[in-house]
C-alpha atoms as a PDB file:
ATOM      1  CA  UNK A   1      -4.687 -59.604 -39.207  1.00  0.00           C
ATOM      2  CA  UNK A   2      -5.766 -61.081 -42.550  1.00  0.00           C
ATOM      3  CA  UNK A   3      -2.339 -62.418 -43.564  1.00  0.00           C
ATOM      4  CA  UNK A   4      -1.476 -63.913 -40.203  1.00  0.00           C
ATOM      5  CA  UNK A   5      -1.294 -67.706 -39.998  1.00  0.00           C
ATOM      6  CA  UNK A   6      -4.354 -69.152 -38.254  1.00  0.00           C
ATOM      7  CA  UNK A   7      -3.141 -72.712 -37.822  1.00  0.00           C
ATOM      8  CA  UNK A   8      -0.470 -75.211 -38.805  1.00  0.00           C
ATOM      9  CA  UNK A   9      -0.621 -78.989 -38.894  1.00  0.00           C
ATOM     10  CA  UNK A  10       2.998 -79.933 -38.239  1.00  0.00           C
ATOM     11  CA  UNK A  11       4.566 -82.996 -39.911  1.00  0.00           C
ATOM     12  CA  UNK A  12       4.762 -84.706 -36.527  1.00  0.00           C
ATOM     13  CA  UNK A  13       2.875 -87.804 -35.454  1.00  0.00           C
ATOM     14  CA  UNK A  14       2.930 -89.208 -31.938  1.00  0.00           C
ATOM     15  CA  UNK A  15       2.121 -92.759 -30.890  1.00  0.00           C
ATOM     16  CA  UNK A  16      -1.624 -92.701 -30.239  1.00  0.00           C
ATOM     17  CA  UNK A  17      -1.533 -95.963 -28.278  1.00  0.00           C
ATOM     18  CA  UNK A  18       1.190 -94.714 -25.906  1.00  0.00           C
ATOM     19  CA  UNK A  19      -0.566 -91.363 -25.470  1.00  0.00           C
ATOM     20  CA  UNK A  20      -3.732 -93.188 -24.397  1.00  0.00           C
ATOM     21  CA  UNK A  21      -1.796 -95.478 -22.053  1.00  0.00           C
ATOM     22  CA  UNK A  22      -0.392 -92.443 -20.235  1.00  0.00           C
ATOM     23  CA  UNK A  23      -3.818 -90.817 -20.188  1.00  0.00           C
ATOM     24  CA  UNK A  24      -5.192 -93.913 -18.434  1.00  0.00           C
ATOM     25  CA  UNK A  25      -2.639 -93.393 -15.647  1.00  0.00           C
ATOM     26  CA  UNK A  26      -3.855 -89.829 -15.111  1.00  0.00           C
ATOM     27  CA  UNK A  27      -7.611 -90.461 -15.206  1.00  0.00           C
ATOM     28  CA  UNK A  28      -7.606 -91.280 -11.490  1.00  0.00           C
ATOM     29  CA  UNK A  29      -6.175 -87.835 -10.682  1.00  0.00           C
ATOM     30  CA  UNK A  30      -8.477 -85.017  -9.624  1.00  0.00           C
ATOM     31  CA  UNK A  31      -9.588 -83.207 -12.788  1.00  0.00           C
ATOM     32  CA  UNK A  32     -10.343 -79.542 -12.144  1.00  0.00           C
ATOM     33  CA  UNK A  33     -13.213 -77.682 -13.799  1.00  0.00           C
ATOM     34  CA  UNK A  34     -11.833 -75.057 -16.179  1.00  0.00           C
ATOM     35  CA  UNK A  35     -11.700 -71.651 -14.502  1.00  0.00           C
ATOM     36  CA  UNK A  36     -13.408 -69.741 -17.364  1.00  0.00           C
ATOM     37  CA  UNK A  37     -16.784 -70.928 -16.136  1.00  0.00           C
ATOM     38  CA  UNK A  38     -18.767 -68.480 -18.251  1.00  0.00           C
ATOM     39  CA  UNK A  39     -17.128 -69.683 -21.458  1.00  0.00           C
ATOM     40  CA  UNK A  40     -18.515 -73.196 -21.706  1.00  0.00           C
ATOM     41  CA  UNK A  41     -21.440 -75.511 -21.045  1.00  0.00           C
ATOM     42  CA  UNK A  42     -21.208 -79.094 -19.818  1.00  0.00           C
ATOM     43  CA  UNK A  43     -18.011 -80.513 -18.329  1.00  0.00           C
ATOM     44  CA  UNK A  44     -14.609 -79.103 -19.363  1.00  0.00           C
ATOM     45  CA  UNK A  45     -11.861 -80.230 -17.012  1.00  0.00           C
ATOM     46  CA  UNK A  46      -8.085 -80.189 -16.791  1.00  0.00           C
ATOM     47  CA  UNK A  47      -5.008 -81.750 -15.197  1.00  0.00           C
ATOM     48  CA  UNK A  48      -1.663 -79.933 -15.236  1.00  0.00           C
ATOM     49  CA  UNK A  49       1.381 -81.894 -16.386  1.00  0.00           C
ATOM     50  CA  UNK A  50       3.677 -78.980 -15.554  1.00  0.00           C
ATOM     51  CA  UNK A  51       3.067 -76.144 -13.085  1.00  0.00           C
ATOM     52  CA  UNK A  52       5.012 -73.764 -10.896  1.00  0.00           C
ATOM     53  CA  UNK A  53       4.331 -75.702  -7.717  1.00  0.00           C
ATOM     54  CA  UNK A  54       4.459 -79.213  -9.198  1.00  0.00           C
ATOM     55  CA  UNK A  55       0.801 -79.891  -8.424  1.00  0.00           C
ATOM     56  CA  UNK A  56      -1.516 -81.312 -11.056  1.00  0.00           C
ATOM     57  CA  UNK A  57      -4.467 -79.218  -9.860  1.00  0.00           C
ATOM     58  CA  UNK A  58      -2.664 -75.943 -10.714  1.00  0.00           C
ATOM     59  CA  UNK A  59      -4.239 -75.571 -14.132  1.00  0.00           C
ATOM     60  CA  UNK A  60      -3.894 -71.822 -14.763  1.00  0.00           C
ATOM     61  CA  UNK A  61      -2.502 -71.120 -18.220  1.00  0.00           C
ATOM     62  CA  UNK A  62      -0.813 -67.880 -17.134  1.00  0.00           C
ATOM     63  CA  UNK A  63       1.970 -68.254 -14.554  1.00  0.00           C
ATOM     64  CA  UNK A  64       1.642 -65.949 -11.547  1.00  0.00           C
ATOM     65  CA  UNK A  65       5.226 -64.656 -11.918  1.00  0.00           C
ATOM     66  CA  UNK A  66       8.436 -65.471 -13.768  1.00  0.00           C
ATOM     67  CA  UNK A  67       8.867 -68.849 -12.071  1.00  0.00           C
ATOM     68  CA  UNK A  68       9.701 -71.802 -14.290  1.00  0.00           C
ATOM     69  CA  UNK A  69       7.363 -74.758 -14.624  1.00  0.00           C
ATOM     70  CA  UNK A  70       8.263 -78.132 -13.156  1.00  0.00           C
ATOM     71  CA  UNK A  71       6.818 -81.613 -13.674  1.00  0.00           C
ATOM     72  CA  UNK A  72       3.680 -82.320 -11.662  1.00  0.00           C
ATOM     73  CA  UNK A  73       2.767 -85.510  -9.829  1.00  0.00           C
ATOM     74  CA  UNK A  74       0.733 -86.458 -12.919  1.00  0.00           C
ATOM     75  CA  UNK A  75       3.636 -86.110 -15.345  1.00  0.00           C
ATOM     76  CA  UNK A  76       5.986 -88.053 -13.080  1.00  0.00           C
ATOM     77  CA  UNK A  77       4.061 -91.277 -13.780  1.00  0.00           C
ATOM     78  CA  UNK A  78       3.840 -90.746 -17.555  1.00  0.00           C
ATOM     79  CA  UNK A  79       6.995 -91.689 -19.437  1.00  0.00           C
ATOM     80  CA  UNK A  80       5.623 -91.044 -22.926  1.00  0.00           C
ATOM     81  CA  UNK A  81       4.220 -87.612 -22.064  1.00  0.00           C
ATOM     82  CA  UNK A  82       7.704 -86.772 -20.723  1.00  0.00           C
ATOM     83  CA  UNK A  83       9.268 -87.983 -23.962  1.00  0.00           C
ATOM     84  CA  UNK A  84       6.899 -85.874 -26.046  1.00  0.00           C
ATOM     85  CA  UNK A  85       7.527 -82.743 -23.955  1.00  0.00           C
ATOM     86  CA  UNK A  86      11.299 -83.235 -23.906  1.00  0.00           C
ATOM     87  CA  UNK A  87      11.228 -83.228 -27.698  1.00  0.00           C
ATOM     88  CA  UNK A  88       9.925 -79.654 -27.710  1.00  0.00           C
ATOM     89  CA  UNK A  89      12.968 -77.581 -26.763  1.00  0.00           C
ATOM     90  CA  UNK A  90      11.335 -74.308 -25.797  1.00  0.00           C
ATOM     91  CA  UNK A  91      10.247 -72.779 -22.512  1.00  0.00           C
ATOM     92  CA  UNK A  92       6.785 -73.985 -21.562  1.00  0.00           C
ATOM     93  CA  UNK A  93       4.337 -71.585 -19.903  1.00  0.00           C
ATOM     94  CA  UNK A  94       1.509 -74.123 -19.470  1.00  0.00           C
ATOM     95  CA  UNK A  95       1.221 -77.874 -20.080  1.00  0.00           C
ATOM     96  CA  UNK A  96      -2.190 -79.397 -19.467  1.00  0.00           C
ATOM     97  CA  UNK A  97      -4.535 -82.185 -20.404  1.00  0.00           C
ATOM     98  CA  UNK A  98      -7.901 -80.677 -21.338  1.00  0.00           C
ATOM     99  CA  UNK A  99     -10.967 -82.928 -21.358  1.00  0.00           C
ATOM    100  CA  UNK A 100     -14.206 -81.864 -23.025  1.00  0.00           C
ATOM    101  CA  UNK A 101     -16.856 -84.409 -22.155  1.00  0.00           C
ATOM    102  CA  UNK A 102     -19.515 -85.637 -24.570  1.00  0.00           C
ATOM    103  CA  UNK A 103     -22.204 -83.001 -25.081  1.00  0.00           C
ATOM    104  CA  UNK A 104     -20.045 -80.152 -23.727  1.00  0.00           C
ATOM    105  CA  UNK A 105     -19.227 -77.015 -25.704  1.00  0.00           C
ATOM    106  CA  UNK A 106     -16.732 -74.162 -25.426  1.00  0.00           C
ATOM    107  CA  UNK A 107     -18.269 -70.878 -26.541  1.00  0.00           C
ATOM    108  CA  UNK A 108     -16.647 -68.638 -29.185  1.00  0.00           C
ATOM    109  CA  UNK A 109     -13.812 -66.695 -27.547  1.00  0.00           C
ATOM    110  CA  UNK A 110     -10.262 -65.426 -28.059  1.00  0.00           C
ATOM    111  CA  UNK A 111      -7.121 -65.818 -25.943  1.00  0.00           C
ATOM    112  CA  UNK A 112      -4.977 -62.689 -25.992  1.00  0.00           C
ATOM    113  CA  UNK A 113      -1.306 -62.812 -27.031  1.00  0.00           C
ATOM    114  CA  UNK A 114      -1.327 -66.483 -28.014  1.00  0.00           C
ATOM    115  CA  UNK A 115      -0.290 -66.125 -31.630  1.00  0.00           C
ATOM    116  CA  UNK A 116       3.242 -66.846 -32.775  1.00  0.00           C
ATOM    117  CA  UNK A 117       3.522 -63.198 -33.813  1.00  0.00           C
ATOM    118  CA  UNK A 118       3.273 -62.303 -30.102  1.00  0.00           C
ATOM    119  CA  UNK A 119       6.275 -64.433 -29.158  1.00  0.00           C
ATOM    120  CA  UNK A 120       4.071 -67.078 -27.554  1.00  0.00           C
ATOM    121  CA  UNK A 121       2.005 -69.904 -28.970  1.00  0.00           C
ATOM    122  CA  UNK A 122      -0.236 -72.895 -28.260  1.00  0.00           C
ATOM    123  CA  UNK A 123       0.079 -76.463 -29.533  1.00  0.00           C
ATOM    124  CA  UNK A 124      -2.641 -79.120 -29.487  1.00  0.00           C
ATOM    125  CA  UNK A 125      -1.981 -82.873 -29.567  1.00  0.00           C
ATOM    126  CA  UNK A 126      -5.265 -84.825 -29.619  1.00  0.00           C
ATOM    127  CA  UNK A 127      -5.154 -87.976 -27.481  1.00  0.00           C
ATOM    128  CA  UNK A 128      -8.807 -89.024 -27.651  1.00  0.00           C
ATOM    129  CA  UNK A 129     -11.209 -87.446 -30.115  1.00  0.00           C
ATOM    130  CA  UNK A 130     -14.029 -88.349 -32.499  1.00  0.00           C
ATOM    131  CA  UNK A 131     -15.441 -87.251 -35.831  1.00  0.00           C
ATOM    132  CA  UNK A 132     -18.278 -85.374 -34.119  1.00  0.00           C
ATOM    133  CA  UNK A 133     -15.969 -82.833 -32.465  1.00  0.00           C
ATOM    134  CA  UNK A 134     -16.420 -79.435 -34.102  1.00  0.00           C
ATOM    135  CA  UNK A 135     -13.395 -77.188 -33.556  1.00  0.00           C
ATOM    136  CA  UNK A 136     -13.999 -73.889 -35.339  1.00  0.00           C
ATOM    137  CA  UNK A 137     -11.169 -71.359 -35.746  1.00  0.00           C
ATOM    138  CA  UNK A 138     -11.937 -68.051 -37.463  1.00  0.00           C
ATOM    139  CA  UNK A 139     -14.864 -69.647 -39.269  1.00  0.00           C
ATOM    140  CA  UNK A 140     -12.957 -72.757 -40.425  1.00  0.00           C
ATOM    141  CA  UNK A 141     -13.521 -76.236 -39.028  1.00  0.00           C
ATOM    142  CA  UNK A 142     -10.280 -78.016 -38.106  1.00  0.00           C
ATOM    143  CA  UNK A 143     -10.320 -81.809 -37.962  1.00  0.00           C
ATOM    144  CA  UNK A 144      -7.465 -82.668 -35.628  1.00  0.00           C
ATOM    145  CA  UNK A 145      -6.810 -86.397 -35.438  1.00  0.00           C
ATOM    146  CA  UNK A 146      -5.302 -88.435 -32.613  1.00  0.00           C
ATOM    147  CA  UNK A 147      -1.525 -88.184 -32.402  1.00  0.00           C
ATOM    148  CA  UNK A 148      -1.247 -85.120 -34.648  1.00  0.00           C
ATOM    149  CA  UNK A 149       0.361 -81.830 -33.596  1.00  0.00           C
ATOM    150  CA  UNK A 150      -1.321 -78.520 -34.404  1.00  0.00           C
ATOM    151  CA  UNK A 151      -0.537 -74.863 -33.815  1.00  0.00           C
ATOM    152  CA  UNK A 152      -3.660 -72.838 -33.130  1.00  0.00           C
ATOM    153  CA  UNK A 153      -3.546 -69.037 -33.296  1.00  0.00           C
ATOM    154  CA  UNK A 154      -5.769 -68.444 -30.288  1.00  0.00           C
ATOM    155  CA  UNK A 155      -5.932 -64.688 -30.966  1.00  0.00           C
ATOM    156  CA  UNK A 156      -8.619 -65.548 -33.501  1.00  0.00           C
ATOM    157  CA  UNK A 157     -12.131 -66.479 -32.403  1.00  0.00           C
ATOM    158  CA  UNK A 158     -12.475 -70.203 -31.772  1.00  0.00           C
ATOM    159  CA  UNK A 159     -15.041 -72.585 -30.315  1.00  0.00           C
ATOM    160  CA  UNK A 160     -15.402 -76.317 -29.718  1.00  0.00           C
ATOM    161  CA  UNK A 161     -18.449 -78.573 -29.480  1.00  0.00           C
ATOM    162  CA  UNK A 162     -18.170 -82.269 -28.653  1.00  0.00           C
ATOM    163  CA  UNK A 163     -21.223 -83.766 -30.324  1.00  0.00           C
ATOM    164  CA  UNK A 164     -19.842 -87.299 -30.042  1.00  0.00           C
ATOM    165  CA  UNK A 165     -20.413 -90.011 -27.443  1.00  0.00           C
ATOM    166  CA  UNK A 166     -16.942 -89.964 -25.816  1.00  0.00           C
ATOM    167  CA  UNK A 167     -14.796 -87.338 -24.107  1.00  0.00           C
ATOM    168  CA  UNK A 168     -12.282 -85.451 -26.186  1.00  0.00           C
ATOM    169  CA  UNK A 169      -8.867 -85.072 -24.521  1.00  0.00           C
ATOM    170  CA  UNK A 170      -6.009 -82.949 -25.850  1.00  0.00           C
ATOM    171  CA  UNK A 171      -2.486 -82.379 -24.603  1.00  0.00           C
ATOM    172  CA  UNK A 172      -2.198 -78.579 -24.787  1.00  0.00           C
ATOM    173  CA  UNK A 173       1.215 -76.921 -24.595  1.00  0.00           C
ATOM    174  CA  UNK A 174       1.796 -73.166 -24.340  1.00  0.00           C
ATOM    175  CA  UNK A 175       5.320 -71.923 -24.951  1.00  0.00           C
ATOM    176  CA  UNK A 176       7.657 -69.065 -25.830  1.00  0.00           C
ATOM    177  CA  UNK A 177       9.246 -68.717 -29.258  1.00  0.00           C
ATOM    178  CA  UNK A 178      12.973 -69.218 -29.708  1.00  0.00           C
ATOM    179  CA  UNK A 179      15.380 -70.154 -32.496  1.00  0.00           C
ATOM    180  CA  UNK A 180      14.304 -73.794 -32.329  1.00  0.00           C
ATOM    181  CA  UNK A 181      10.620 -72.918 -32.719  1.00  0.00           C
ATOM    182  CA  UNK A 182      11.425 -70.414 -35.487  1.00  0.00           C
ATOM    183  CA  UNK A 183      12.912 -73.285 -37.486  1.00  0.00           C
ATOM    184  CA  UNK A 184       9.842 -75.406 -36.758  1.00  0.00           C
ATOM    185  CA  UNK A 185       7.310 -72.726 -37.722  1.00  0.00           C
ATOM    186  CA  UNK A 186       9.100 -71.137 -40.690  1.00  0.00           C
ATOM    187  CA  UNK A 187       9.425 -74.509 -42.411  1.00  0.00           C
ATOM    188  CA  UNK A 188       5.625 -74.571 -42.617  1.00  0.00           C
ATOM    189  CA  UNK A 189       4.892 -70.918 -43.428  1.00  0.00           C
ATOM    190  CA  UNK A 190       7.011 -67.923 -44.472  1.00  0.00           C
ATOM    191  CA  UNK A 191       8.341 -65.714 -41.686  1.00  0.00           C
ATOM    192  CA  UNK A 192       6.401 -62.739 -43.101  1.00  0.00           C
ATOM    193  CA  UNK A 193       3.106 -64.526 -42.437  1.00  0.00           C
ATOM    194  CA  UNK A 194       3.760 -64.142 -38.699  1.00  0.00           C
ATOM    195  CA  UNK A 195       4.373 -60.372 -38.868  1.00  0.00           C
ATOM    196  CA  UNK A 196       1.799 -58.192 -37.197  1.00  0.00           C
ATOM    197  CA  UNK A 197       0.426 -55.548 -39.575  1.00  0.00           C
ATOM    198  CA  UNK A 198       1.323 -51.991 -38.649  1.00  0.00           C
ATOM    199  CA  UNK A 199      -1.652 -50.037 -37.305  1.00  0.00           C
ATOM    200  CA  UNK A 200      -3.192 -47.615 -39.762  1.00  0.00           C
ATOM    201  CA  UNK A 201      -3.174 -44.042 -38.481  1.00  0.00           C
ATOM    202  CA  UNK A 202      -5.622 -41.407 -39.659  1.00  0.00           C
ATOM    203  CA  UNK A 203      -4.278 -38.039 -40.893  1.00  0.00           C
ATOM    204  CA  UNK A 204      -5.747 -36.362 -37.818  1.00  0.00           C
ATOM    205  CA  UNK A 205      -4.024 -38.810 -35.444  1.00  0.00           C
ATOM    206  CA  UNK A 206      -0.768 -38.382 -37.363  1.00  0.00           C
ATOM    207  CA  UNK A 207      -0.843 -34.582 -37.080  1.00  0.00           C
ATOM    208  CA  UNK A 208      -1.591 -34.762 -33.348  1.00  0.00           C
ATOM    209  CA  UNK A 209       1.342 -37.128 -32.845  1.00  0.00           C
ATOM    210  CA  UNK A 210       3.680 -34.893 -34.876  1.00  0.00           C
ATOM    211  CA  UNK A 211       2.680 -31.883 -32.776  1.00  0.00           C
ATOM    212  CA  UNK A 212       3.302 -33.812 -29.551  1.00  0.00           C
ATOM    213  CA  UNK A 213       6.700 -35.084 -30.742  1.00  0.00           C
ATOM    214  CA  UNK A 214       7.766 -31.549 -31.687  1.00  0.00           C
ATOM    215  CA  UNK A 215       6.767 -30.372 -28.219  1.00  0.00           C
ATOM    216  CA  UNK A 216       8.885 -33.114 -26.600  1.00  0.00           C
ATOM    217  CA  UNK A 217      12.002 -31.944 -28.496  1.00  0.00           C
ATOM    218  CA  UNK A 218      14.174 -34.980 -27.729  1.00  0.00           C
ATOM    219  CA  UNK A 219      16.490 -37.112 -29.926  1.00  0.00           C
ATOM    220  CA  UNK A 220      14.054 -40.038 -29.739  1.00  0.00           C
ATOM    221  CA  UNK A 221      11.164 -37.764 -30.704  1.00  0.00           C
ATOM    222  CA  UNK A 222      13.214 -36.364 -33.598  1.00  0.00           C
ATOM    223  CA  UNK A 223      13.778 -39.880 -34.931  1.00  0.00           C
ATOM    224  CA  UNK A 224      10.069 -40.715 -34.706  1.00  0.00           C
ATOM    225  CA  UNK A 225       9.252 -37.444 -36.461  1.00  0.00           C
ATOM    226  CA  UNK A 226      11.499 -38.374 -39.369  1.00  0.00           C
ATOM    227  CA  UNK A 227       9.771 -41.745 -39.696  1.00  0.00           C
ATOM    228  CA  UNK A 228       6.300 -40.211 -39.535  1.00  0.00           C
ATOM    229  CA  UNK A 229       7.087 -37.519 -42.089  1.00  0.00           C
ATOM    230  CA  UNK A 230       8.501 -39.946 -44.650  1.00  0.00           C
END
């Protein structure tokens, strides 16, 4: 995975003042403790801006089926959040506000299939942060500032510690790649830097696979045999 892109800071800046004004409207909502309870210490809470049932307490990042997301009661009162989301013309699979309170920490972990090379991705837009937040991705500290927009390849190990005196709140958007996002991503990094490396097969594994393909004796197996024997 060495050549894969870890992160991108996009040339997008959102109005920090308007982001905070919308956040103020949502602070009175019920913030739900993040469900990965073993992955953090302190308070890490969330409000959904889009969910399958339109409820702001449905904070799961993975939809339960193929149902589309709709605006929640929290998003309905936030005109600027709507404007920001409408500007991203891709299918969203999760849209949440994530709040990491002062003194809280998210332990090193990975999130499977959340790299652009998987066809899905995660964006972070900091709304409230401070210089004492330590976001570490694959050994590198990222300093994401308020109003910026970042892609984070969550397949790589990452952790966050809020060592400051105020909560850190990000707008976090998960989505599916399409032609629009390809244009957005490939302007910042070459397409090849999002290609997954082919797995390296040992000679023993290769010979076992060749023997199995010969046994199958089908057109598809014949084609795979030709590729393996090249």
